[in-house]
């Protein structure tokens, strides 16, 4: 059965506007034209959609069922139309942003919400990467931009500095008490279980890993934190992740020159290339103008 799509659209508008007269203002059609479309639809479906026995027509049970089925179809069609307009305006249909696991997503909350609401027809993909993973995504053109430490040395990039923070070595009080002697010296530190984060890139980038030492290797930074808090190992974590645990004593700093701090400076990074879509450009401008991210 072929159904006139425009007549179906008119039907949904009549229901949502509350009547034939009200729909004329939205559809820019005359009332006779709207009435004709509804009658045509009823004839095509062999259904009575409106009860016209009263002054103001109301939906029949069949009309109610058709409206529930037609409403998402019409809404989807509207989205397709908006998507086509976006394609014509050269706006991107997809944007991919790779974000380092050490970067606090809470500082991006308002911007993420703003982007999603501002570009409803753009599909956003947010990738969580560790160590060299975000940079590798950018270099392989698998991300439009990244938020990461800049580990790229062989290609020209643009960088917006966003946040600097120390990675500090911590452990639970129980772990420190159990391995106090081993923790005091670099030569015996290998006997203490270290919790390290696996690099999500192919480069196998590491920092501060004790050579030939016992270790837990995890792919998730939350798992790393949980293992350390549980007293099963020591490791380095960014300060913003462990503020509460340091305050209530569940974690303590490890003392000694062999537990050096590492300052990580993270920023928004993109490749230097001339052709960019309007969505990616607006995101870059927003990051450049947003001071709430920096610490």
Protein backbone atom coordinates (compact mmCIF):
# COMPACT_ATOMS: atom_id res chain seq x y z
CA UNK A 1 0.00 0.00 0.00
CA UNK A 2 1.41 3.38 -1.04
CA UNK A 3 0.76 6.17 1.45
CA UNK A 4 1.16 9.85 0.62
CA UNK A 5 3.95 10.99 2.93
CA UNK A 6 2.91 14.64 2.80
CA UNK A 7 -0.61 13.67 3.85
CA UNK A 8 0.87 11.72 6.76
CA UNK A 9 2.93 14.78 7.74
CA UNK A 10 -0.22 16.92 7.64
CA UNK A 11 -2.03 14.39 9.82
CA UNK A 12 0.70 14.48 12.49
CA UNK A 13 0.74 18.30 12.42
CA UNK A 14 -3.03 18.48 12.87
CA UNK A 15 -2.82 16.25 15.93
CA UNK A 16 0.14 18.10 17.46
CA UNK A 17 -1.30 21.55 16.74
CA UNK A 18 -4.65 20.63 18.25
CA UNK A 19 -6.85 21.03 15.19
CA UNK A 20 -7.24 21.82 11.51
CA UNK A 21 -7.27 25.61 11.97
CA UNK A 22 -4.16 25.65 14.13
CA UNK A 23 -2.29 23.48 11.62
CA UNK A 24 -2.82 26.06 8.88
CA UNK A 25 -0.47 28.44 10.72
CA UNK A 26 2.29 25.86 10.98
CA UNK A 27 2.00 24.26 7.55
CA UNK A 28 1.19 27.44 5.63
CA UNK A 29 -1.69 25.62 3.97
CA UNK A 30 -5.34 26.56 3.69
CA UNK A 31 -7.89 24.65 5.74
CA UNK A 32 -9.48 23.09 2.63
CA UNK A 33 -6.05 21.84 1.56
CA UNK A 34 -5.46 20.30 4.97
CA UNK A 35 -8.92 18.73 5.01
CA UNK A 36 -8.29 17.31 1.55
CA UNK A 37 -4.97 15.78 2.66
CA UNK A 38 -6.60 14.09 5.66
CA UNK A 39 -9.42 12.68 3.52
CA UNK A 40 -6.88 11.40 1.02
CA UNK A 41 -4.96 9.66 3.79
CA UNK A 42 -8.14 8.09 5.17
CA UNK A 43 -9.04 6.79 1.72
CA UNK A 44 -5.56 5.36 1.16
CA UNK A 45 -5.61 3.57 4.51
CA UNK A 46 -9.34 2.78 4.46
CA UNK A 47 -9.57 4.13 7.99
CA UNK A 48 -11.51 6.90 9.75
CA UNK A 49 -8.87 8.91 11.56
CA UNK A 50 -11.01 11.73 13.01
CA UNK A 51 -14.45 11.61 14.59
CA UNK A 52 -16.25 14.58 13.05
CA UNK A 53 -19.51 14.22 14.96
CA UNK A 54 -18.59 17.04 17.34
CA UNK A 55 -17.73 20.67 16.70
CA UNK A 56 -14.02 19.92 17.13
CA UNK A 57 -12.83 16.70 15.44
CA UNK A 58 -10.95 14.26 17.66
CA UNK A 59 -8.95 11.16 16.95
CA UNK A 60 -10.63 7.80 16.61
CA UNK A 61 -8.92 4.76 18.21
CA UNK A 62 -7.45 3.95 14.79
CA UNK A 63 -6.27 7.55 14.49
CA UNK A 64 -4.55 7.32 17.90
CA UNK A 65 -2.68 4.19 16.83
CA UNK A 66 -1.64 5.71 13.52
CA UNK A 67 -0.40 8.86 15.25
CA UNK A 68 1.79 6.84 17.64
CA UNK A 69 3.29 5.00 14.69
CA UNK A 70 3.64 8.04 12.41
CA UNK A 71 5.12 10.46 14.95
CA UNK A 72 8.63 8.91 15.10
CA UNK A 73 8.64 8.49 11.31
CA UNK A 74 7.95 12.18 10.76
CA UNK A 75 10.50 13.16 13.42
CA UNK A 76 13.08 10.96 11.71
CA UNK A 77 12.33 12.56 8.37
CA UNK A 78 12.85 16.01 9.89
CA UNK A 79 16.23 14.87 11.19
CA UNK A 80 17.14 13.59 7.73
CA UNK A 81 16.26 17.00 6.30
CA UNK A 82 18.41 18.77 8.89
CA UNK A 83 21.24 16.32 8.20
CA UNK A 84 21.02 17.07 4.46
CA UNK A 85 21.19 20.80 5.20
CA UNK A 86 24.25 20.21 7.34
CA UNK A 87 25.92 18.28 4.53
CA UNK A 88 25.18 21.12 2.15
CA UNK A 89 26.73 23.58 4.58
CA UNK A 90 29.86 21.36 4.71
CA UNK A 91 29.42 20.77 8.44
CA UNK A 92 30.90 17.48 9.60
CA UNK A 93 28.60 14.53 10.22
CA UNK A 94 31.14 13.00 12.64
CA UNK A 95 33.70 14.45 15.03
CA UNK A 96 36.18 12.29 16.96
CA UNK A 97 38.02 13.60 20.02
CA UNK A 98 40.58 11.42 21.80
CA UNK A 99 41.09 12.34 25.46
CA UNK A 100 43.88 11.15 27.75
CA UNK A 101 42.63 9.17 30.77
CA UNK A 102 44.53 11.47 33.13
CA UNK A 103 42.62 14.55 31.94
CA UNK A 104 39.68 15.43 34.25
CA UNK A 105 36.54 15.18 32.13
CA UNK A 106 34.60 17.20 34.71
CA UNK A 107 36.37 20.34 33.48
CA UNK A 108 34.93 19.73 29.98
CA UNK A 109 31.35 19.09 31.09
CA UNK A 110 29.87 22.42 30.06
CA UNK A 111 31.71 22.45 26.74
CA UNK A 112 30.70 18.89 25.85
CA UNK A 113 27.07 19.73 26.54
CA UNK A 114 27.35 22.93 24.50
CA UNK A 115 28.82 21.13 21.48
CA UNK A 116 26.24 18.36 21.51
CA UNK A 117 23.35 20.84 21.74
CA UNK A 118 24.85 23.22 19.17
CA UNK A 119 25.43 20.50 16.56
CA UNK A 120 22.58 17.99 16.94
CA UNK A 121 23.28 16.43 13.54
CA UNK A 122 26.94 15.81 14.26
CA UNK A 123 27.79 12.47 15.83
CA UNK A 124 30.45 12.96 18.50
CA UNK A 125 32.88 10.17 19.33
CA UNK A 126 34.91 10.57 22.54
CA UNK A 127 37.79 8.10 22.84
CA UNK A 128 39.60 7.41 26.10
CA UNK A 129 43.33 6.86 25.54
CA UNK A 130 46.36 6.37 27.76
CA UNK A 131 49.95 7.56 27.41
CA UNK A 132 50.72 7.76 23.65
CA UNK A 133 47.31 6.54 22.50
CA UNK A 134 45.71 9.92 21.81
CA UNK A 135 48.70 11.18 19.83
CA UNK A 136 48.74 8.02 17.76
CA UNK A 137 45.05 8.48 16.94
CA UNK A 138 45.77 11.99 15.70
CA UNK A 139 48.74 10.95 13.57
CA UNK A 140 46.73 8.13 11.99
CA UNK A 141 43.85 10.53 11.21
CA UNK A 142 41.56 8.63 13.57
CA UNK A 143 40.77 11.77 15.57
CA UNK A 144 39.99 15.34 14.56
CA UNK A 145 41.69 16.67 17.67
CA UNK A 146 42.97 15.30 20.94
CA UNK A 147 43.38 16.42 24.55
CA UNK A 148 46.66 14.99 25.73
CA UNK A 149 50.29 15.54 26.57
CA UNK A 150 52.10 16.43 23.37
CA UNK A 151 54.28 13.46 22.50
CA UNK A 152 54.38 14.27 18.77
CA UNK A 153 57.84 15.15 17.47
CA UNK A 154 57.74 14.28 13.78
CA UNK A 155 54.78 16.32 12.57
CA UNK A 156 53.68 19.95 12.84
CA UNK A 157 50.84 20.46 15.30
CA UNK A 158 48.92 23.30 16.91
CA UNK A 159 48.53 23.21 20.68
CA UNK A 160 46.27 25.03 23.12
CA UNK A 161 47.67 24.60 26.68
CA UNK A 162 44.87 23.51 29.01
CA UNK A 163 46.22 22.04 32.23
CA UNK A 164 49.43 21.18 34.06
CA UNK A 165 49.53 18.74 36.94
CA UNK A 166 51.93 16.48 38.81
CA UNK A 167 51.80 12.71 38.72
CA UNK A 168 52.74 11.65 42.25
CA UNK A 169 53.77 8.30 43.69
CA UNK A 170 51.31 7.05 46.30
CA UNK A 171 50.37 3.92 48.22
CA UNK A 172 48.03 2.91 51.01
CA UNK A 173 49.27 3.13 54.62
CA UNK A 174 49.03 -0.67 54.88
CA UNK A 175 51.25 -1.16 51.82
CA UNK A 176 53.79 1.36 53.11
CA UNK A 177 53.90 -0.37 56.50
CA UNK A 178 54.33 -3.81 54.92
CA UNK A 179 57.11 -2.76 52.51
CA UNK A 180 58.71 0.07 54.45
CA UNK A 181 62.30 -1.17 54.07
CA UNK A 182 61.96 -2.06 50.39
CA UNK A 183 60.36 1.30 49.57
CA UNK A 184 63.24 3.20 51.14
CA UNK A 185 65.80 2.21 48.52
CA UNK A 186 65.79 2.09 44.73
CA UNK A 187 67.72 -1.19 44.73
CA UNK A 188 64.96 -3.00 46.63
CA UNK A 189 62.01 -1.16 45.10
CA UNK A 190 61.68 -3.88 42.46
CA UNK A 191 60.38 -6.18 45.24
CA UNK A 192 57.32 -3.91 45.68
CA UNK A 193 54.34 -4.41 43.38
CA UNK A 194 54.01 -1.43 41.04
CA UNK A 195 50.72 -0.62 39.30
CA UNK A 196 51.25 0.71 35.79
CA UNK A 197 48.95 1.84 33.02
CA UNK A 198 49.17 0.08 29.68
CA UNK A 199 49.89 2.32 26.71
CA UNK A 200 46.91 2.29 24.34
CA UNK A 201 49.21 3.06 21.38
CA UNK A 202 51.53 0.72 19.53
CA UNK A 203 54.58 2.59 20.84
CA UNK A 204 54.55 0.96 24.28
CA UNK A 205 55.41 4.28 25.93
CA UNK A 206 56.19 4.04 29.66
CA UNK A 207 57.36 6.36 32.41
CA UNK A 208 58.87 5.59 35.78
CA UNK A 209 58.51 1.80 35.52
CA UNK A 210 60.93 -0.02 37.80
CA UNK A 211 63.08 -2.30 35.67
CA UNK A 212 62.60 -6.03 36.35
CA UNK A 213 60.15 -5.19 39.11
CA UNK A 214 56.90 -6.84 40.14
CA UNK A 215 53.97 -5.08 38.54
CA UNK A 216 50.26 -4.98 37.87
CA UNK A 217 49.47 -3.81 34.32
CA UNK A 218 46.02 -2.30 33.83
CA UNK A 219 44.29 -0.60 30.90
CA UNK A 220 41.98 1.54 33.02
CA UNK A 221 43.07 4.40 35.27
CA UNK A 222 40.19 3.82 37.71
CA UNK A 223 41.30 0.22 38.11
CA UNK A 224 44.83 1.46 38.76
CA UNK A 225 43.59 3.77 41.50
CA UNK A 226 41.39 1.06 43.07
CA UNK A 227 44.26 -1.43 43.20
CA UNK A 228 46.52 1.13 44.89
CA UNK A 229 43.86 2.16 47.40
CA UNK A 230 43.25 -1.53 48.17
CA UNK A 231 46.87 -1.84 49.29
CA UNK A 232 47.92 -4.17 46.49
CA UNK A 233 50.64 -1.99 45.01
CA UNK A 234 52.04 1.50 44.54
CA UNK A 235 51.88 3.79 41.55
CA UNK A 236 51.71 7.32 40.17
CA UNK A 237 48.39 9.13 39.81
CA UNK A 238 47.40 12.74 38.98
CA UNK A 239 46.59 14.83 42.02
CA UNK A 240 43.02 15.65 40.94
CA UNK A 241 42.12 11.94 41.10
CA UNK A 242 43.31 11.36 44.67
CA UNK A 243 42.59 14.59 46.54
CA UNK A 244 39.98 12.95 48.76
CA UNK A 245 42.04 9.82 49.40
CA UNK A 246 45.07 11.90 50.44
CA UNK A 247 42.86 14.01 52.69
CA UNK A 248 41.23 11.08 54.51
CA UNK A 249 44.43 9.04 54.76
CA UNK A 250 43.55 6.18 52.43
CA UNK A 251 46.60 7.14 50.36
CA UNK A 252 49.93 8.66 51.32
CA UNK A 253 52.80 10.17 49.34
CA UNK A 254 55.85 7.96 48.91
CA UNK A 255 58.97 9.72 50.14
CA UNK A 256 62.42 9.63 48.56
CA UNK A 257 64.27 10.99 45.55
CA UNK A 258 63.62 7.75 43.67
CA UNK A 259 59.90 8.65 43.68
CA UNK A 260 60.31 11.65 41.42
CA UNK A 261 57.29 13.70 40.45
CA UNK A 262 56.42 14.09 36.81
CA UNK A 263 54.78 17.28 35.61
CA UNK A 264 52.37 16.57 32.77
CA UNK A 265 51.17 19.47 30.65
CA UNK A 266 48.10 18.65 28.63
CA UNK A 267 46.47 20.59 25.86
CA UNK A 268 44.18 20.45 22.88
CA UNK A 269 46.21 19.30 19.88
CA UNK A 270 45.44 19.21 16.17
CA UNK A 271 47.49 18.73 13.04
CA UNK A 272 48.47 21.78 11.04
CA UNK A 273 46.34 21.45 7.94
CA UNK A 274 44.30 24.08 6.08
CA UNK A 275 41.01 22.28 5.46
CA UNK A 276 38.70 22.09 8.49
CA UNK A 277 34.96 21.83 8.89
CA UNK A 278 32.94 24.43 10.84
CA UNK A 279 32.23 22.09 13.77
CA UNK A 280 35.89 21.23 14.37
CA UNK A 281 36.81 24.90 14.05
CA UNK A 282 34.17 25.98 16.56
CA UNK A 283 35.34 23.33 19.04
CA UNK A 284 38.90 24.61 18.70
CA UNK A 285 37.81 28.20 19.29
CA UNK A 286 35.78 27.20 22.35
CA UNK A 287 38.76 25.36 23.86
CA UNK A 288 40.99 28.36 23.19
CA UNK A 289 38.57 30.75 24.89
CA UNK A 290 37.55 28.60 27.86
CA UNK A 291 39.51 29.49 30.99
CA UNK A 292 37.58 27.16 33.32
CA UNK A 293 39.57 24.13 32.09
CA UNK A 294 42.94 25.37 33.28
CA UNK A 295 44.01 24.72 36.78
